[in-house]
């Protein structure tokens, strides 16, 4: 999961850097790319750690029988 986190941030960093060079908006799109990459990576790790469908609460313990 850590490698996925780093790869996503670096990918968006380079996309932002490339767009900054093309549009002349340095460093704004680079910073935006890093933030989007970090957010997407965090969301992906959260989804992997807590997959959807496990929303059923744990069963309550049964009272002791007399």
Protein backbone atom coordinates (compact mmCIF):
# COMPACT_ATOMS: atom_id res chain seq x y z
CA UNK A 1 0.00 0.00 0.00
CA UNK A 2 2.90 2.36 0.66
CA UNK A 3 4.24 1.91 -2.85
CA UNK A 4 0.79 2.67 -4.29
CA UNK A 5 0.70 5.85 -2.19
CA UNK A 6 4.07 7.07 -3.48
CA UNK A 7 3.38 6.16 -7.11
CA UNK A 8 0.07 8.03 -7.17
CA UNK A 9 1.61 11.16 -5.65
CA UNK A 10 4.54 11.08 -8.08
CA UNK A 11 2.26 10.49 -11.06
CA UNK A 12 0.09 13.50 -10.22
CA UNK A 13 3.19 15.56 -9.39
CA UNK A 14 4.63 14.97 -12.86
CA UNK A 15 1.27 15.64 -14.54
CA UNK A 16 1.03 18.93 -12.64
CA UNK A 17 4.61 19.84 -13.53
CA UNK A 18 3.99 19.09 -17.20
CA UNK A 19 0.80 21.16 -17.24
CA UNK A 20 2.59 24.04 -15.48
CA UNK A 21 5.26 24.02 -18.20
CA UNK A 22 2.62 24.02 -20.94
CA UNK A 23 0.32 26.65 -19.40
CA UNK A 24 2.82 28.82 -17.52
CA UNK A 25 1.04 28.50 -14.18
CA UNK A 26 3.98 27.30 -12.08
CA UNK A 27 3.83 26.10 -9.29
CA UNK A 28 0.04 25.95 -8.84
CA UNK A 29 -0.80 22.86 -10.88
CA UNK A 30 2.18 21.00 -9.43
CA UNK A 31 0.89 21.70 -5.91
CA UNK A 32 -2.64 20.79 -6.93
CA UNK A 33 -1.34 17.55 -8.45
CA UNK A 34 0.44 16.59 -5.24
CA UNK A 35 -2.71 17.27 -3.19
CA UNK A 36 -4.94 15.33 -5.58
CA UNK A 37 -2.48 12.43 -5.62
CA UNK A 38 -2.29 12.34 -1.83
CA UNK A 39 -6.08 12.50 -1.53
CA UNK A 40 -6.64 9.77 -4.09
CA UNK A 41 -4.03 7.56 -2.43
CA UNK A 42 -5.54 8.09 1.01
CA UNK A 43 -8.99 7.24 -0.30
CA UNK A 44 -7.68 4.10 -2.03
CA UNK A 45 -5.94 2.93 1.15
CA UNK A 46 -9.08 3.60 3.19
CA UNK A 47 -11.17 1.56 0.74
CA UNK A 48 -8.65 -1.28 0.91
CA UNK A 49 -8.57 -1.25 4.71
CA UNK A 50 -12.35 -0.91 5.10
CA UNK A 51 -14.01 -2.52 2.07
CA UNK A 52 -17.64 -1.63 1.37
CA UNK A 53 -20.21 -4.18 2.43
CA UNK A 54 -18.89 -4.71 5.94
CA UNK A 55 -21.38 -2.28 7.44
CA UNK A 56 -23.11 -4.89 9.64
CA UNK A 57 -22.42 -4.12 13.32
CA UNK A 58 -20.93 -6.89 15.46
CA UNK A 59 -23.38 -9.14 17.29
CA UNK A 60 -24.17 -8.20 20.88
CA UNK A 61 -22.96 -10.67 23.51
CA UNK A 62 -25.60 -13.01 24.89
CA UNK A 63 -26.54 -12.59 28.56
CA UNK A 64 -25.41 -15.41 30.82
CA UNK A 65 -28.04 -18.06 31.46
CA UNK A 66 -29.02 -18.67 35.11
